N, C-alpha and C. Protein backbone atom coordinates (compact mmCIF):
# COMPACT_ATOMS: atom_id res chain seq x y z
N UNK A 1 -15.22 2.29 23.87
CA UNK A 1 -15.45 0.96 23.34
C UNK A 1 -14.12 0.25 23.13
N UNK A 2 -14.08 -1.04 23.37
CA UNK A 2 -12.85 -1.80 23.10
C UNK A 2 -12.65 -1.99 21.59
N UNK A 3 -11.40 -2.20 21.22
CA UNK A 3 -11.05 -2.43 19.81
C UNK A 3 -10.34 -3.76 19.64
N UNK A 4 -10.52 -4.35 18.48
CA UNK A 4 -9.77 -5.52 18.04
C UNK A 4 -8.99 -5.12 16.80
N UNK A 5 -7.99 -5.91 16.44
CA UNK A 5 -7.30 -5.68 15.17
C UNK A 5 -8.01 -6.48 14.10
N UNK A 6 -8.26 -5.84 12.97
CA UNK A 6 -8.89 -6.48 11.83
C UNK A 6 -8.03 -6.18 10.61
N UNK A 7 -8.34 -6.80 9.50
CA UNK A 7 -7.57 -6.53 8.29
C UNK A 7 -8.43 -6.75 7.06
N UNK A 8 -7.99 -6.20 5.96
CA UNK A 8 -8.61 -6.45 4.66
C UNK A 8 -7.50 -6.69 3.65
N UNK A 9 -7.68 -7.70 2.81
CA UNK A 9 -6.73 -7.95 1.73
C UNK A 9 -7.10 -7.03 0.59
N UNK A 10 -6.20 -6.12 0.24
CA UNK A 10 -6.46 -5.19 -0.85
C UNK A 10 -6.28 -5.89 -2.18
N UNK A 11 -5.17 -6.61 -2.34
CA UNK A 11 -4.95 -7.40 -3.55
C UNK A 11 -3.87 -8.43 -3.29
N UNK A 12 -4.11 -9.67 -3.73
CA UNK A 12 -3.18 -10.77 -3.51
C UNK A 12 -2.24 -10.97 -4.70
N UNK A 13 -2.63 -10.52 -5.87
CA UNK A 13 -1.79 -10.70 -7.07
C UNK A 13 -0.76 -9.57 -7.16
N UNK A 14 0.20 -9.75 -8.08
CA UNK A 14 1.30 -8.78 -8.19
C UNK A 14 1.06 -7.77 -9.31
N UNK A 15 1.71 -6.62 -9.15
CA UNK A 15 1.71 -5.55 -10.14
C UNK A 15 3.15 -5.11 -10.31
N UNK A 16 3.63 -5.04 -11.54
CA UNK A 16 4.99 -4.57 -11.81
C UNK A 16 4.92 -3.19 -12.46
N UNK A 17 5.71 -2.27 -11.91
CA UNK A 17 5.79 -0.90 -12.42
C UNK A 17 7.21 -0.60 -12.85
N UNK A 18 7.46 0.06 -13.97
CA UNK A 18 6.41 0.49 -14.89
C UNK A 18 5.78 -0.70 -15.61
N UNK A 19 4.52 -0.49 -16.02
CA UNK A 19 3.79 -1.52 -16.77
C UNK A 19 4.34 -1.59 -18.19
N UNK A 20 3.97 -2.64 -18.90
CA UNK A 20 4.49 -2.83 -20.27
C UNK A 20 4.11 -1.67 -21.19
N UNK A 21 3.04 -0.95 -20.87
CA UNK A 21 2.64 0.20 -21.69
C UNK A 21 3.33 1.50 -21.24
N UNK A 22 4.24 1.42 -20.25
CA UNK A 22 4.96 2.58 -19.76
C UNK A 22 4.31 3.28 -18.58
N UNK A 23 3.10 2.86 -18.21
CA UNK A 23 2.39 3.46 -17.08
C UNK A 23 3.19 3.23 -15.79
N UNK A 24 3.37 4.27 -15.00
CA UNK A 24 4.20 4.16 -13.79
C UNK A 24 3.39 4.05 -12.51
N UNK A 25 2.04 4.05 -12.60
CA UNK A 25 1.26 3.93 -11.37
C UNK A 25 0.14 2.91 -11.53
N UNK A 26 -0.41 2.52 -10.37
CA UNK A 26 -1.49 1.53 -10.35
C UNK A 26 -2.45 1.88 -9.23
N UNK A 27 -3.74 1.97 -9.57
CA UNK A 27 -4.80 2.15 -8.58
C UNK A 27 -5.39 0.79 -8.27
N UNK A 28 -5.39 0.41 -7.01
CA UNK A 28 -6.02 -0.84 -6.60
C UNK A 28 -7.53 -0.65 -6.59
N UNK A 29 -8.29 -1.74 -6.70
CA UNK A 29 -9.75 -1.61 -6.59
C UNK A 29 -10.10 -0.99 -5.23
N UNK A 30 -11.17 -0.18 -5.21
CA UNK A 30 -11.60 0.41 -3.94
C UNK A 30 -11.88 -0.69 -2.93
N UNK A 31 -11.57 -0.39 -1.67
CA UNK A 31 -11.76 -1.38 -0.61
C UNK A 31 -12.30 -0.69 0.63
N UNK A 32 -12.86 -1.49 1.53
CA UNK A 32 -13.42 -0.97 2.76
C UNK A 32 -12.68 -1.47 3.98
N UNK A 33 -13.02 -0.89 5.11
CA UNK A 33 -12.49 -1.29 6.42
C UNK A 33 -13.68 -1.32 7.37
N UNK A 34 -14.50 -2.36 7.22
CA UNK A 34 -15.76 -2.47 7.98
C UNK A 34 -15.51 -2.37 9.48
N UNK A 35 -16.31 -1.55 10.15
CA UNK A 35 -16.20 -1.41 11.59
C UNK A 35 -15.02 -0.58 12.04
N UNK A 36 -14.42 0.19 11.13
CA UNK A 36 -13.21 0.97 11.42
C UNK A 36 -13.39 1.81 12.67
N UNK A 37 -12.46 1.66 13.61
CA UNK A 37 -12.43 2.47 14.81
C UNK A 37 -11.38 3.55 14.68
N UNK A 38 -11.27 4.40 15.67
CA UNK A 38 -10.24 5.44 15.63
C UNK A 38 -8.89 4.81 15.92
N UNK A 39 -7.86 5.46 15.48
CA UNK A 39 -6.50 4.97 15.68
C UNK A 39 -5.79 4.76 14.36
N UNK A 40 -4.52 4.49 14.47
CA UNK A 40 -3.70 4.29 13.27
C UNK A 40 -3.98 2.94 12.64
N UNK A 41 -3.66 2.84 11.35
CA UNK A 41 -3.75 1.58 10.62
C UNK A 41 -2.36 1.23 10.12
N UNK A 42 -2.20 0.02 9.59
CA UNK A 42 -0.89 -0.43 9.13
C UNK A 42 -1.03 -1.02 7.74
N UNK A 43 -0.26 -0.51 6.79
CA UNK A 43 -0.22 -1.03 5.43
C UNK A 43 0.93 -2.04 5.34
N UNK A 44 0.64 -3.23 4.82
CA UNK A 44 1.64 -4.28 4.63
C UNK A 44 1.70 -4.62 3.15
N UNK A 45 2.91 -4.81 2.62
CA UNK A 45 3.05 -5.19 1.22
C UNK A 45 4.38 -5.89 1.00
N UNK A 46 4.46 -6.64 -0.10
CA UNK A 46 5.71 -7.29 -0.48
C UNK A 46 6.24 -6.54 -1.69
N UNK A 47 7.55 -6.23 -1.67
CA UNK A 47 8.19 -5.48 -2.75
C UNK A 47 9.36 -6.28 -3.29
N UNK A 48 9.39 -6.42 -4.61
CA UNK A 48 10.50 -7.08 -5.28
C UNK A 48 11.09 -6.08 -6.27
N UNK A 49 12.13 -5.33 -5.86
CA UNK A 49 12.72 -4.33 -6.74
C UNK A 49 13.73 -4.97 -7.70
N UNK A 50 13.87 -4.35 -8.84
CA UNK A 50 14.88 -4.75 -9.83
C UNK A 50 15.59 -3.48 -10.26
N UNK A 51 16.80 -3.27 -9.77
CA UNK A 51 17.51 -2.03 -10.03
C UNK A 51 17.11 -0.97 -9.03
N UNK A 52 17.35 0.28 -9.37
CA UNK A 52 17.02 1.39 -8.48
C UNK A 52 15.68 1.98 -8.87
N UNK A 53 14.78 2.07 -7.89
CA UNK A 53 13.45 2.61 -8.15
C UNK A 53 12.88 3.18 -6.86
N UNK A 54 12.17 4.30 -6.99
CA UNK A 54 11.51 4.92 -5.85
C UNK A 54 10.04 4.51 -5.86
N UNK A 55 9.55 4.02 -4.73
CA UNK A 55 8.16 3.64 -4.56
C UNK A 55 7.44 4.74 -3.79
N UNK A 56 6.31 5.17 -4.33
CA UNK A 56 5.46 6.15 -3.65
C UNK A 56 4.09 5.50 -3.49
N UNK A 57 3.53 5.60 -2.28
CA UNK A 57 2.21 5.05 -1.99
C UNK A 57 1.32 6.16 -1.46
N UNK A 58 0.12 6.26 -2.04
CA UNK A 58 -0.86 7.21 -1.53
C UNK A 58 -2.14 6.45 -1.16
N UNK A 59 -2.79 6.93 -0.11
CA UNK A 59 -4.06 6.39 0.33
C UNK A 59 -5.03 7.54 0.46
N UNK A 60 -6.09 7.51 -0.33
CA UNK A 60 -7.10 8.58 -0.31
C UNK A 60 -6.44 9.96 -0.48
N UNK A 61 -5.54 10.05 -1.44
CA UNK A 61 -4.81 11.28 -1.80
C UNK A 61 -3.83 11.77 -0.75
N UNK A 62 -3.57 10.98 0.29
CA UNK A 62 -2.56 11.33 1.30
C UNK A 62 -1.30 10.52 1.02
N UNK A 63 -0.15 11.18 0.94
CA UNK A 63 1.12 10.47 0.78
C UNK A 63 1.44 9.72 2.07
N UNK A 64 1.59 8.39 1.97
CA UNK A 64 1.84 7.60 3.18
C UNK A 64 3.22 6.95 3.17
N UNK A 65 3.87 6.86 2.01
CA UNK A 65 5.18 6.23 1.94
C UNK A 65 5.90 6.66 0.68
N UNK A 66 7.15 7.04 0.82
CA UNK A 66 8.05 7.25 -0.32
C UNK A 66 9.41 6.71 0.11
N UNK A 67 9.91 5.73 -0.63
CA UNK A 67 11.20 5.14 -0.30
C UNK A 67 11.87 4.64 -1.57
N UNK A 68 13.20 4.67 -1.59
CA UNK A 68 13.96 4.21 -2.74
C UNK A 68 14.60 2.87 -2.45
N UNK A 69 14.47 1.95 -3.39
CA UNK A 69 15.10 0.64 -3.31
C UNK A 69 16.23 0.60 -4.32
N UNK A 70 17.40 0.12 -3.89
CA UNK A 70 18.53 0.02 -4.81
C UNK A 70 19.21 -1.35 -4.73
N UNK A 71 18.59 -2.26 -4.00
CA UNK A 71 19.07 -3.64 -3.94
C UNK A 71 17.92 -4.56 -4.33
N UNK A 72 18.26 -5.74 -4.79
CA UNK A 72 17.27 -6.60 -5.42
C UNK A 72 16.50 -7.59 -4.55
N UNK A 73 16.82 -7.88 -3.32
CA UNK A 73 16.06 -8.95 -2.67
C UNK A 73 14.60 -8.55 -2.43
N UNK A 74 13.72 -9.54 -2.53
CA UNK A 74 12.32 -9.34 -2.18
C UNK A 74 12.23 -9.15 -0.68
N UNK A 75 11.37 -8.23 -0.25
CA UNK A 75 11.19 -8.00 1.18
C UNK A 75 9.76 -7.55 1.44
N UNK A 76 9.34 -7.72 2.69
CA UNK A 76 8.05 -7.17 3.08
C UNK A 76 8.29 -5.77 3.64
N UNK A 77 7.26 -4.96 3.57
CA UNK A 77 7.36 -3.59 4.03
C UNK A 77 6.07 -3.28 4.78
N UNK A 78 6.19 -2.54 5.85
CA UNK A 78 5.00 -2.07 6.54
C UNK A 78 5.13 -0.59 6.81
N UNK A 79 4.00 0.08 6.84
CA UNK A 79 3.98 1.51 7.09
C UNK A 79 2.78 1.84 7.97
N UNK A 80 3.02 2.59 9.05
CA UNK A 80 1.95 3.02 9.93
C UNK A 80 1.29 4.24 9.31
N UNK A 81 -0.04 4.19 9.22
CA UNK A 81 -0.83 5.24 8.58
C UNK A 81 -1.53 6.06 9.67
N UNK A 82 -1.48 7.37 9.57
CA UNK A 82 -2.10 8.24 10.56
C UNK A 82 -3.60 8.01 10.67
N UNK A 83 -4.13 8.23 11.86
CA UNK A 83 -5.56 8.15 12.11
C UNK A 83 -6.28 9.12 11.18
N UNK A 84 -7.40 8.69 10.62
CA UNK A 84 -8.20 9.56 9.77
C UNK A 84 -7.94 9.41 8.28
N UNK A 85 -6.84 8.75 7.90
CA UNK A 85 -6.55 8.58 6.47
C UNK A 85 -7.37 7.43 5.89
N UNK A 86 -7.40 6.30 6.59
CA UNK A 86 -8.22 5.16 6.17
C UNK A 86 -9.68 5.46 6.47
N UNK A 87 -10.56 5.13 5.51
CA UNK A 87 -12.00 5.33 5.69
C UNK A 87 -12.69 3.98 5.78
N UNK A 88 -13.93 3.99 6.24
CA UNK A 88 -14.67 2.75 6.37
C UNK A 88 -15.04 2.16 5.01
N UNK A 89 -15.13 2.98 3.97
CA UNK A 89 -15.46 2.47 2.64
C UNK A 89 -14.81 3.34 1.56
N UNK A 90 -14.76 2.80 0.35
CA UNK A 90 -14.28 3.52 -0.84
C UNK A 90 -12.86 4.06 -0.70
N UNK A 91 -11.96 3.32 -0.08
CA UNK A 91 -10.55 3.72 0.01
C UNK A 91 -9.88 3.53 -1.34
N UNK A 92 -9.03 4.48 -1.71
CA UNK A 92 -8.28 4.41 -2.96
C UNK A 92 -6.79 4.36 -2.62
N UNK A 93 -6.15 3.24 -2.96
CA UNK A 93 -4.73 3.04 -2.72
C UNK A 93 -4.02 3.05 -4.07
N UNK A 94 -2.99 3.88 -4.22
CA UNK A 94 -2.25 4.00 -5.47
C UNK A 94 -0.78 3.79 -5.19
N UNK A 95 -0.12 2.98 -6.02
CA UNK A 95 1.34 2.85 -5.95
C UNK A 95 1.91 3.45 -7.23
N UNK A 96 3.10 4.05 -7.10
CA UNK A 96 3.75 4.69 -8.24
C UNK A 96 5.23 4.35 -8.21
N UNK A 97 5.79 3.96 -9.35
CA UNK A 97 7.24 3.88 -9.50
C UNK A 97 7.63 5.30 -9.88
N UNK A 98 7.98 6.07 -8.86
CA UNK A 98 8.12 7.51 -8.97
C UNK A 98 9.38 7.95 -9.69
N UNK A 99 10.46 7.22 -9.53
CA UNK A 99 11.74 7.65 -10.09
C UNK A 99 12.65 6.44 -10.20
N UNK A 100 13.70 6.56 -10.98
CA UNK A 100 14.68 5.51 -11.11
C UNK A 100 14.57 4.78 -12.43
N UNK A 101 15.57 3.97 -12.73
CA UNK A 101 15.59 3.24 -13.99
C UNK A 101 15.20 1.78 -13.82
N UNK A 102 14.87 1.39 -12.60
CA UNK A 102 14.50 0.00 -12.32
C UNK A 102 13.00 -0.19 -12.31
N UNK A 103 12.60 -1.36 -11.86
CA UNK A 103 11.18 -1.67 -11.75
C UNK A 103 10.87 -2.19 -10.35
N UNK A 104 9.60 -2.20 -10.01
CA UNK A 104 9.13 -2.69 -8.72
C UNK A 104 7.95 -3.62 -8.95
N UNK A 105 7.98 -4.78 -8.33
CA UNK A 105 6.83 -5.66 -8.33
C UNK A 105 6.27 -5.67 -6.92
N UNK A 106 5.01 -5.28 -6.79
CA UNK A 106 4.36 -5.18 -5.48
C UNK A 106 3.23 -6.20 -5.44
N UNK A 107 3.16 -6.94 -4.33
CA UNK A 107 2.12 -7.96 -4.18
C UNK A 107 1.72 -8.08 -2.73
N UNK A 108 0.71 -8.91 -2.47
CA UNK A 108 0.26 -9.25 -1.11
C UNK A 108 0.00 -8.00 -0.28
N UNK A 109 -0.85 -7.12 -0.79
CA UNK A 109 -1.14 -5.84 -0.13
C UNK A 109 -2.28 -6.05 0.87
N UNK A 110 -2.01 -5.71 2.14
CA UNK A 110 -2.97 -5.91 3.23
C UNK A 110 -3.02 -4.64 4.07
N UNK A 111 -4.22 -4.28 4.53
CA UNK A 111 -4.38 -3.14 5.43
C UNK A 111 -4.93 -3.66 6.76
N UNK A 112 -4.20 -3.41 7.84
CA UNK A 112 -4.66 -3.76 9.19
C UNK A 112 -5.20 -2.49 9.84
N UNK A 113 -6.24 -2.66 10.65
CA UNK A 113 -6.86 -1.49 11.28
C UNK A 113 -7.56 -1.91 12.57
N UNK A 114 -7.89 -0.91 13.38
CA UNK A 114 -8.61 -1.16 14.62
C UNK A 114 -10.10 -1.22 14.33
N UNK A 115 -10.74 -2.26 14.84
CA UNK A 115 -12.16 -2.51 14.62
C UNK A 115 -12.89 -2.35 15.94
N UNK A 116 -13.86 -1.47 15.97
CA UNK A 116 -14.64 -1.28 17.20
C UNK A 116 -15.59 -2.45 17.39
N UNK A 117 -15.71 -2.90 18.65
CA UNK A 117 -16.68 -3.98 18.94
C UNK A 117 -17.73 -3.48 19.91
């Protein structure tokens, strides 16, 4: 079957880690990928680091990204996700400020995937 590229907006608003209560991680609301076909998917997000901080991203309990930011400019980031990690429904995406003395503001989280037609 042929495939098209599709996407889902996971969350458009921003989350800053650590949170004011000291929490270092954030679970996004569950999301789906209707019509998901086989193949890799792509996670897109905007990151605004302040100081040195390590960002860890998990999708459905699979580690998909760990990287350290030590400069302050806002930038977009993309990560290719292995086939089979993204599911058609009930996906759980978690971000964690894993290490460092800085903070991370993450926004505009989008998942692109192959859609069977």
